[in-house]
C-alpha cells in the first residue's frame, strides 16, 4: 500500500464563498513591494512562546522589513491559529515571505480539529500560506540595482538512518523513539511513519512538479518570476542561488554526537534525500534550521548557515551557541540573518561557535 501524495495546492478549507472573499481581501491588502534590498533568514521562531511572539511583533514594526525578503525555515507554531497569526504578521510587514514547514508545524491535535493526520495538517499550512500570499515555491527574486536571486524552498523530514555515527555507549539513555515528541505528536498515513526513510522520501518528492503552483503564487506580484521544475537552470540570469530547508542536509552540519547532551538526537535531525537535492542544486547558500545551533560553514562548495531564534530558555542558557556573526537574539537585536544584500552581495563568512569548532 502506498501513501497518497498530497496536493499541496489544495483549496482553502473554508466554503467557496468565504474562500473567494478571503483571497480578494488578501489581494487588496497586499501592498506593492518596493525594490527588495536584502534577503534575510530565520528559523525555529516557536511563537507558542509569548516572548518569541513579542520578539516577532517588535521585528515586524521595523521599517527595514518592507524592502526585505524573509526566508522562514519552519517550526513556527504547533497551533494552527497561532501559525496563521504569525504568518499574517510577517506577511504584512516584509516585502515577501518564503516558508518551509518544520516538525512542530505538522503536530496534530488528538481531536482532529487541525487535520486528520500530519499530511492533512501540512495541507492546511499550505492553505494558510496561500491565503496570505506567503511563498512556498521556487522563485526568481528581483532586487534593487538589477540583481536577482533564485530562492528555492525545499520540503523535507528527518529519518533515523541519517545518523551514521557510532553510538555513545557509555551513557544509558532512552531511544529517540521514546524521547522525541514527534513520534507521539505526528500521525502519518500508512505505511509512512515518523523516523522512517519512506517518510523522508515522500517529503522529498513533494519538491517535484510544483511549476504550476509557483506560477500561481507569483501571479500579480512585482519582483517575482516563477522557476520551473528543472532547477538545474535556476542559476541562469541570477546573481546567486539560495535554497533553504528546516532539516539538516548533511551530517557535518551537526556537532559530533559525543558533544551532544542527548546523543540519540542525531537520529531526528537530517535527511539524505534532502542532502542529495542540495548537492544537485549546488546553491551558493543553503539555510537550514531545526538543531538550534548558529552555523556558517562551507562544505563541498556550498555555504551552509543557520540562524534560529530558538526558545527563551535556550537563549538564556546557551546564547553563544545560537549566535552567528551579529545575529544574537539573546541581546534583543531585532534582525534576522542577512544572506544577500542588493548592494554588497553575499555576506562575508561569520563566526559561529559550533561551525568554528
Foldseek 3Di string as FASTA:
>chain_A
DDDDQDDLVDAAPDPPVVSVVLLVVLVVLQDAADFAFFEFEAEQLAVVDVVSLVLLLVLLPDQNQRRYEYEYAENQYLDPVSLLVSLLSSLSRHVAYEYEYDLSQQFADPVQPCHPFSVSVSSNSSNSCLSNLHHHAWKWFAHPPGAIEIEGEAWFFFAQVLDPDDDPPVDDDDACCVPPCSQPRGDDPPPDHHRHQVRRVSRRVVNAPCQVVQCVSCPPHPRIDHDHRPLLCVPVSHPWYEYEHAADQHPLFDFQLVPDPHSNCSSGGYHPSSNVVCVSNLTQEYEYHDPQFFDWDDDPNHTYGHQYLHDPVCLVPPQQRRDWAPRRVNVSDSGGGTQAGNVPGGDDGTDTVRNVD
